[in-house]
Amino acid sequence: MAHDLRPRPDLTPELLLRAYAAGIFPMAETRDDPEIFWVDPVMRGIIPLDGFRMSRSLARTIRSGRFEVTLDRDFRGTVAGCAARPETWISPAIAAHYDALHAAGHAHSLEIREDGALVGGVYGVTLGAAFFGESMFSRRRDASKVALAYLVARLRAGGFTLFDTQFLTPHLASLGGIEISRAEYHSRLAAALRLEADFFAAPDPMPAQVVLQLRTQTS
């Protein structure tokens, strides 16, 4: 019997935003799991916006201009790219809910293209001065790193104070990601929610030179 993977009518964009404001986020066990559960990790991953690490090789890739960076041009394609792996928590129902958040103006994608093809990206949710990073993907070397560098520069320009990555992976740690306790996270979240930020404060496309300044400003 096929599972019903349509978005749950009780899980509205408003409820999702209230959940993020409370410090929790939704996940599914697998791609085909119709159930959605809430997560509030004991240790939370974040990228301090003044602590992004940009290697020389990443700076060279950004400087080369081989990638085109866009905003909200293909939100669904970015989510699909993040879900295109053997194991994923992004079920069709989860994707549909984030599509609704995107339509409401609270979920955004930053896409990386090479020769017109979507080769990487990241998407997440904005609320107050907090950005909740949901997932990212890369089909070319350094594509996800470029996406994160442009995202951090954009968040700094827009007045954001919290970049939540949910969990800390070795990949994120190499870029400056750290873990903080649940209590510390909730304290930082409460402070961020009292502020206003603008995801579109920086120009689109953002000049590479603005992003490259991270190398000196956060080193």
Protein backbone atom coordinates (compact mmCIF):
# COMPACT_ATOMS: atom_id res chain seq x y z
CA MET A 1 0.00 0.00 0.00
CA ALA A 2 1.40 3.42 -0.95
CA HIS A 3 1.96 5.96 1.80
CA ASP A 4 0.13 9.27 1.69
CA LEU A 5 3.00 11.74 1.21
CA ARG A 6 0.89 14.85 0.79
CA PRO A 7 1.63 17.69 3.23
CA ARG A 8 -0.29 17.35 6.47
CA PRO A 9 -3.08 19.94 6.60
CA ASP A 10 -2.35 20.62 10.28
CA LEU A 11 1.31 21.46 9.59
CA THR A 12 0.89 24.98 8.25
CA PRO A 13 3.63 27.53 7.49
CA GLU A 14 2.55 29.40 10.61
CA LEU A 15 3.00 26.30 12.78
CA LEU A 16 6.41 25.61 11.24
CA LEU A 17 7.54 29.15 12.01
CA ARG A 18 6.33 28.80 15.60
CA ALA A 19 8.34 25.59 15.85
CA TYR A 20 11.50 27.31 14.60
CA ALA A 21 10.91 30.13 17.05
CA ALA A 22 10.76 27.50 19.81
CA GLY A 23 14.04 25.99 18.66
CA ILE A 24 12.74 22.81 17.04
CA PHE A 25 12.63 21.63 13.43
CA PRO A 26 10.87 18.83 11.53
CA MET A 27 12.39 15.70 10.00
CA ALA A 28 11.27 12.39 8.53
CA GLU A 29 13.08 9.11 9.21
CA THR A 30 13.41 8.28 5.52
CA ARG A 31 12.31 9.54 2.14
CA ASP A 32 9.26 7.24 2.18
CA ASP A 33 8.23 7.77 5.79
CA PRO A 34 4.88 9.60 5.97
CA GLU A 35 5.46 10.59 9.60
CA ILE A 36 7.17 13.83 10.64
CA PHE A 37 8.85 14.29 14.02
CA TRP A 38 10.32 17.28 15.83
CA VAL A 39 13.99 17.62 16.75
CA ASP A 40 15.68 19.72 19.44
CA PRO A 41 19.32 18.51 19.57
CA VAL A 42 21.24 18.44 22.85
CA MET A 43 24.17 19.97 20.99
CA ARG A 44 23.41 22.39 18.15
CA GLY A 45 25.55 23.18 15.13
CA ILE A 46 26.03 26.80 14.12
CA ILE A 47 28.39 28.78 11.90
CA PRO A 48 29.46 31.96 13.71
CA LEU A 49 29.03 34.72 11.15
CA ASP A 50 32.36 36.24 12.20
CA GLY A 51 34.16 32.90 12.05
CA PHE A 52 33.73 31.49 8.54
CA ARG A 53 36.96 29.87 7.32
CA MET A 54 37.84 30.47 3.69
CA SER A 55 40.81 28.52 2.42
CA ARG A 56 43.11 29.78 -0.33
CA SER A 57 41.71 27.18 -2.72
CA LEU A 58 38.11 28.24 -2.01
CA ALA A 59 39.07 31.89 -2.53
CA ARG A 60 40.65 30.96 -5.88
CA THR A 61 37.48 29.12 -6.92
CA ILE A 62 35.32 32.14 -6.05
CA ARG A 63 37.73 34.50 -7.79
CA SER A 64 37.71 32.37 -10.94
CA GLY A 65 34.03 33.08 -11.57
CA ARG A 66 33.38 29.54 -12.81
CA PHE A 67 30.16 29.35 -10.77
CA GLU A 68 27.07 31.51 -11.14
CA VAL A 69 25.34 32.23 -7.83
CA THR A 70 21.61 33.03 -7.75
CA LEU A 71 18.86 33.46 -5.18
CA ASP A 72 15.42 31.84 -5.18
CA ARG A 73 15.62 31.03 -8.90
CA ASP A 74 14.95 27.31 -8.38
CA PHE A 75 13.86 26.59 -4.83
CA ARG A 76 12.26 23.25 -5.70
CA GLY A 77 15.29 22.19 -7.71
CA THR A 78 17.57 23.00 -4.77
CA VAL A 79 15.45 20.98 -2.34
CA ALA A 80 15.35 18.12 -4.85
CA GLY A 81 19.12 18.29 -5.18
CA CYS A 82 19.50 18.07 -1.40
CA ALA A 83 17.18 15.04 -1.33
CA ALA A 84 18.92 13.24 -4.21
CA ARG A 85 21.02 10.88 -2.12
CA PRO A 86 20.65 7.24 -1.03
CA GLU A 87 19.42 8.19 2.46
CA THR A 88 17.55 11.42 3.20
CA TRP A 89 15.17 12.89 5.74
CA ILE A 90 13.60 15.07 3.03
CA SER A 91 10.40 13.23 2.18
CA PRO A 92 7.99 14.55 -0.47
CA ALA A 93 5.76 15.77 2.36
CA ILE A 94 8.66 17.66 3.96
CA ALA A 95 9.55 19.17 0.58
CA ALA A 96 5.95 20.29 0.10
CA HIS A 97 5.93 22.06 3.46
CA TYR A 98 9.11 23.97 2.64
CA ASP A 99 7.66 24.87 -0.73
CA ALA A 100 4.75 26.44 1.17
CA LEU A 101 7.20 28.33 3.41
CA HIS A 102 9.01 29.54 0.30
CA ALA A 103 5.74 30.78 -1.20
CA ALA A 104 5.12 32.64 2.07
CA GLY A 105 8.53 34.35 1.81
CA HIS A 106 10.20 32.56 4.73
CA ALA A 107 12.26 29.89 2.94
CA HIS A 108 14.99 30.70 0.47
CA SER A 109 17.47 28.96 -1.77
CA LEU A 110 20.92 29.96 -2.92
CA GLU A 111 21.82 28.12 -6.11
CA ILE A 112 25.17 27.36 -7.71
CA ARG A 113 25.26 26.89 -11.47
CA GLU A 114 28.00 25.91 -13.89
CA ASP A 115 27.37 26.47 -17.60
CA GLY A 116 23.69 26.93 -16.74
CA ALA A 117 23.31 23.61 -14.91
CA LEU A 118 22.34 23.48 -11.22
CA VAL A 119 25.38 21.89 -9.53
CA GLY A 120 24.97 22.87 -5.89
CA GLY A 121 23.05 24.94 -3.41
CA VAL A 122 21.65 25.45 0.06
CA TYR A 123 18.20 26.27 1.38
CA GLY A 124 16.82 27.37 4.71
CA VAL A 125 14.30 29.39 6.68
CA THR A 126 14.53 33.01 7.85
CA LEU A 127 12.89 34.35 10.99
CA GLY A 128 13.93 37.55 12.72
CA ALA A 129 17.72 37.73 12.49
CA ALA A 130 18.09 33.94 12.40
CA PHE A 131 18.76 31.76 9.36
CA PHE A 132 17.98 28.07 9.82
CA GLY A 133 20.02 26.13 7.29
CA GLU A 134 18.17 22.97 6.28
CA SER A 135 20.34 21.19 3.75
CA MET A 136 22.86 21.65 0.96
CA PHE A 137 24.20 19.64 -1.95
CA SER A 138 27.13 19.63 -4.34
CA ARG A 139 27.58 18.03 -7.76
CA ARG A 140 30.91 19.75 -8.43
CA ARG A 141 34.00 20.16 -6.29
CA ASP A 142 33.64 23.11 -3.91
CA ALA A 143 30.08 23.96 -5.05
CA SER A 144 28.60 23.65 -1.55
CA LYS A 145 31.54 25.57 -0.04
CA VAL A 146 30.97 28.41 -2.49
CA ALA A 147 27.27 28.36 -1.59
CA LEU A 148 28.04 28.66 2.12
CA ALA A 149 30.57 31.46 1.56
CA TYR A 150 28.04 33.49 -0.42
CA LEU A 151 25.35 32.71 2.17
CA VAL A 152 27.49 33.84 5.10
CA ALA A 153 28.36 37.07 3.28
CA ARG A 154 24.67 37.65 2.55
CA LEU A 155 23.64 37.00 6.15
CA ARG A 156 26.29 39.39 7.44
CA ALA A 157 25.20 42.08 4.99
CA GLY A 158 21.56 41.62 5.98
CA GLY A 159 22.08 41.98 9.72
CA PHE A 160 21.59 38.34 10.70
CA THR A 161 23.11 37.21 13.99
CA LEU A 162 22.48 33.44 13.99
CA PHE A 163 23.26 30.84 11.32
CA ASP A 164 21.82 27.56 12.59
CA THR A 165 23.14 24.42 10.84
CA GLN A 166 21.22 22.02 13.14
CA PHE A 167 24.07 19.52 13.42
CA LEU A 168 27.84 19.80 13.06
CA THR A 169 29.49 17.72 10.34
CA PRO A 170 33.21 17.51 9.53
CA HIS A 171 32.47 19.49 6.35
CA LEU A 172 30.85 22.32 8.33
CA ALA A 173 33.57 22.22 11.01
CA SER A 174 36.21 22.73 8.30
CA LEU A 175 34.41 25.96 7.37
CA GLY A 176 34.24 27.28 10.93
CA GLY A 177 31.15 25.50 12.24
CA ILE A 178 30.99 24.81 15.97
CA GLU A 179 28.69 23.10 18.46
CA ILE A 180 26.95 24.86 21.30
CA SER A 181 24.70 23.53 24.04
CA ARG A 182 20.94 23.51 23.77
CA ALA A 183 20.71 26.20 26.45
CA GLU A 184 23.23 28.43 24.66
CA TYR A 185 21.43 27.92 21.37
CA HIS A 186 18.06 28.89 22.82
CA SER A 187 19.62 32.00 24.34
CA ARG A 188 21.12 33.04 20.99
CA LEU A 189 17.88 32.23 19.21
CA ALA A 190 15.82 34.38 21.59
CA ALA A 191 18.19 37.30 20.99
CA ALA A 192 18.03 36.84 17.19
CA LEU A 193 14.24 36.73 17.19
CA ARG A 194 14.10 40.15 18.84
CA LEU A 195 15.87 41.65 15.83
CA GLU A 196 15.00 42.21 12.19
CA ALA A 197 17.21 41.22 9.25
CA ASP A 198 16.93 41.40 5.47
CA PHE A 199 17.95 38.41 3.36
CA PHE A 200 17.89 40.60 0.25
CA ALA A 201 19.88 43.54 1.62
CA ALA A 202 22.90 42.60 -0.50
CA PRO A 203 22.64 42.79 -4.30
CA ASP A 204 21.77 39.75 -6.39
CA PRO A 205 24.11 38.73 -7.84
CA MET A 206 26.52 39.55 -5.04
CA PRO A 207 29.96 40.68 -6.27
CA ALA A 208 32.64 38.07 -5.63
CA GLN A 209 34.85 40.71 -4.02
CA VAL A 210 32.31 41.16 -1.21
CA VAL A 211 32.45 37.43 -0.47
CA LEU A 212 36.25 37.34 -0.66
CA GLN A 213 36.40 39.96 2.09
CA LEU A 214 35.31 37.21 4.49
CA ARG A 215 38.82 35.81 4.23
CA THR A 216 40.33 38.84 5.92
CA GLN A 217 37.40 39.91 8.08
CA THR A 218 36.91 36.52 9.76
CA SER A 219 40.48 35.19 9.82
